[in-house]
Amino acid sequence: LLLLADALEQRLRAPLDAAGIGRGDLDVLVALRHAGVGHLQPGDLARRLGVTTGAITKRLDRLVARGLVTRRVGLDDARTRTVALTDAGTRLTD
């Protein structure tokens, strides 16, 4: 399994480098793409990916700066935020 994981990681490295994103960034983009609702809260992303909320914040900061995701104020509660893919984020993920 470790050899397979290493081989897959090596195959992913070139396209990720070409896109200017890291593996963690790709994980966020894919989670949002497959969420089915079009958006998620950062805490939900952290739980789905098994990382800390701090790690999600750093990833989201990078992805927002690249124009691949947006953060919006929650509709039901102004204290919450939701994250969604932009059109550019959807194209890159696909």
C-alpha atoms as a PDB file:
ATOM      1  CA  LEU A   1       0.000   0.000   0.000  1.00  0.00           C
ATOM      2  CA  LEU A   2       2.829   2.404   0.792  1.00  0.00           C
ATOM      3  CA  LEU A   3       4.412   1.808  -2.625  1.00  0.00           C
ATOM      4  CA  LEU A   4       1.078   2.408  -4.321  1.00  0.00           C
ATOM      5  CA  ALA A   5       0.471   5.579  -2.315  1.00  0.00           C
ATOM      6  CA  ASP A   6       3.943   6.851  -3.221  1.00  0.00           C
ATOM      7  CA  ALA A   7       3.395   6.098  -6.917  1.00  0.00           C
ATOM      8  CA  LEU A   8       0.068   7.938  -6.912  1.00  0.00           C
ATOM      9  CA  GLU A   9       1.578  10.897  -5.070  1.00  0.00           C
ATOM     10  CA  GLN A  10       4.342  11.140  -7.683  1.00  0.00           C
ATOM     11  CA  ARG A  11       1.794  11.100 -10.508  1.00  0.00           C
ATOM     12  CA  LEU A  12      -0.198  13.879  -8.856  1.00  0.00           C
ATOM     13  CA  ARG A  13       2.822  16.097  -8.229  1.00  0.00           C
ATOM     14  CA  ALA A  14       3.302  17.377 -11.813  1.00  0.00           C
ATOM     15  CA  PRO A  15      -0.336  18.390 -12.477  1.00  0.00           C
ATOM     16  CA  LEU A  16      -0.621  19.983  -9.043  1.00  0.00           C
ATOM     17  CA  ASP A  17       2.600  21.937  -9.571  1.00  0.00           C
ATOM     18  CA  ALA A  18       1.356  23.047 -12.995  1.00  0.00           C
ATOM     19  CA  ALA A  19      -1.895  24.257 -11.417  1.00  0.00           C
ATOM     20  CA  GLY A  20      -0.013  25.994  -8.607  1.00  0.00           C
ATOM     21  CA  ILE A  21      -1.822  24.152  -5.828  1.00  0.00           C
ATOM     22  CA  GLY A  22      -0.836  21.629  -3.197  1.00  0.00           C
ATOM     23  CA  ARG A  23      -2.377  18.303  -2.269  1.00  0.00           C
ATOM     24  CA  GLY A  24      -4.234  19.817   0.681  1.00  0.00           C
ATOM     25  CA  ASP A  25      -5.687  22.499  -1.583  1.00  0.00           C
ATOM     26  CA  LEU A  26      -6.868  19.813  -3.996  1.00  0.00           C
ATOM     27  CA  ASP A  27      -8.527  17.963  -1.119  1.00  0.00           C
ATOM     28  CA  VAL A  28     -10.544  21.094  -0.270  1.00  0.00           C
ATOM     29  CA  LEU A  29     -11.542  21.690  -3.895  1.00  0.00           C
ATOM     30  CA  VAL A  30     -12.657  18.079  -4.368  1.00  0.00           C
ATOM     31  CA  ALA A  31     -14.604  18.076  -1.081  1.00  0.00           C
ATOM     32  CA  LEU A  32     -16.457  21.213  -2.168  1.00  0.00           C
ATOM     33  CA  ARG A  33     -17.085  19.810  -5.649  1.00  0.00           C
ATOM     34  CA  HIS A  34     -18.596  16.627  -4.239  1.00  0.00           C
ATOM     35  CA  ALA A  35     -20.495  18.258  -1.379  1.00  0.00           C
ATOM     36  CA  GLY A  36     -23.722  18.248  -3.365  1.00  0.00           C
ATOM     37  CA  VAL A  37     -25.006  21.437  -1.747  1.00  0.00           C
ATOM     38  CA  GLY A  38     -22.653  23.846  -3.485  1.00  0.00           C
ATOM     39  CA  HIS A  39     -21.119  25.127  -0.272  1.00  0.00           C
ATOM     40  CA  LEU A  40     -19.848  23.991   3.123  1.00  0.00           C
ATOM     41  CA  GLN A  41     -18.861  25.590   6.382  1.00  0.00           C
ATOM     42  CA  PRO A  42     -15.135  25.535   7.186  1.00  0.00           C
ATOM     43  CA  GLY A  43     -15.740  23.269  10.196  1.00  0.00           C
ATOM     44  CA  ASP A  44     -17.540  20.770   7.978  1.00  0.00           C
ATOM     45  CA  LEU A  45     -14.589  20.785   5.584  1.00  0.00           C
ATOM     46  CA  ALA A  46     -12.189  20.176   8.473  1.00  0.00           C
ATOM     47  CA  ARG A  47     -14.219  17.191   9.674  1.00  0.00           C
ATOM     48  CA  ARG A  48     -14.571  15.709   6.175  1.00  0.00           C
ATOM     49  CA  LEU A  49     -10.839  15.985   5.552  1.00  0.00           C
ATOM     50  CA  GLY A  50      -9.718  15.011   9.048  1.00  0.00           C
ATOM     51  CA  VAL A  51      -7.646  18.153   9.610  1.00  0.00           C
ATOM     52  CA  THR A  52      -7.750  21.019  12.080  1.00  0.00           C
ATOM     53  CA  THR A  53      -9.770  24.169  11.503  1.00  0.00           C
ATOM     54  CA  GLY A  54      -6.464  26.052  11.460  1.00  0.00           C
ATOM     55  CA  ALA A  55      -5.268  23.928   8.527  1.00  0.00           C
ATOM     56  CA  ILE A  56      -8.530  24.602   6.690  1.00  0.00           C
ATOM     57  CA  THR A  57      -8.181  28.334   7.302  1.00  0.00           C
ATOM     58  CA  LYS A  58      -4.709  28.364   5.748  1.00  0.00           C
ATOM     59  CA  ARG A  59      -5.873  26.347   2.755  1.00  0.00           C
ATOM     60  CA  LEU A  60      -8.912  28.559   2.259  1.00  0.00           C
ATOM     61  CA  ASP A  61      -6.786  31.706   2.470  1.00  0.00           C
ATOM     62  CA  ARG A  62      -4.619  30.386  -0.383  1.00  0.00           C
ATOM     63  CA  LEU A  63      -7.605  29.298  -2.464  1.00  0.00           C
ATOM     64  CA  VAL A  64      -9.467  32.598  -1.941  1.00  0.00           C
ATOM     65  CA  ALA A  65      -6.322  34.524  -2.973  1.00  0.00           C
ATOM     66  CA  ARG A  66      -6.184  32.442  -6.175  1.00  0.00           C
ATOM     67  CA  GLY A  67      -9.881  33.070  -6.895  1.00  0.00           C
ATOM     68  CA  LEU A  68     -10.761  29.375  -6.642  1.00  0.00           C
ATOM     69  CA  VAL A  69     -13.181  29.604  -3.691  1.00  0.00           C
ATOM     70  CA  THR A  70     -15.263  32.276  -2.002  1.00  0.00           C
ATOM     71  CA  ARG A  71     -16.211  32.803   1.624  1.00  0.00           C
ATOM     72  CA  ARG A  72     -19.649  34.203   2.342  1.00  0.00           C
ATOM     73  CA  VAL A  73     -21.588  35.163   5.431  1.00  0.00           C
ATOM     74  CA  GLY A  74     -24.076  32.451   6.382  1.00  0.00           C
ATOM     75  CA  LEU A  75     -27.669  33.044   5.335  1.00  0.00           C
ATOM     76  CA  ASP A  76     -29.196  31.944   8.639  1.00  0.00           C
ATOM     77  CA  ASP A  77     -26.535  33.283  10.993  1.00  0.00           C
ATOM     78  CA  ALA A  78     -24.204  36.203  10.266  1.00  0.00           C
ATOM     79  CA  ARG A  79     -21.617  34.675  12.611  1.00  0.00           C
ATOM     80  CA  THR A  80     -21.094  31.705  10.296  1.00  0.00           C
ATOM     81  CA  ARG A  81     -19.265  31.499   6.987  1.00  0.00           C
ATOM     82  CA  THR A  82     -19.775  29.233   4.027  1.00  0.00           C
ATOM     83  CA  VAL A  83     -17.228  28.315   1.395  1.00  0.00           C
ATOM     84  CA  ALA A  84     -18.047  27.644  -2.251  1.00  0.00           C
ATOM     85  CA  LEU A  85     -16.140  27.000  -5.445  1.00  0.00           C
ATOM     86  CA  THR A  86     -15.888  29.800  -7.964  1.00  0.00           C
ATOM     87  CA  ASP A  87     -16.290  29.047 -11.656  1.00  0.00           C
ATOM     88  CA  ALA A  88     -12.480  28.965 -11.916  1.00  0.00           C
ATOM     89  CA  GLY A  89     -12.317  26.553  -8.962  1.00  0.00           C
ATOM     90  CA  THR A  90     -14.889  24.272 -10.552  1.00  0.00           C
ATOM     91  CA  ARG A  91     -13.016  24.241 -13.880  1.00  0.00           C
ATOM     92  CA  LEU A  92      -9.705  23.484 -12.180  1.00  0.00           C
ATOM     93  CA  THR A  93     -11.217  20.718 -10.054  1.00  0.00           C
ATOM     94  CA  ASP A  94     -12.937  19.106 -13.020  1.00  0.00           C
END
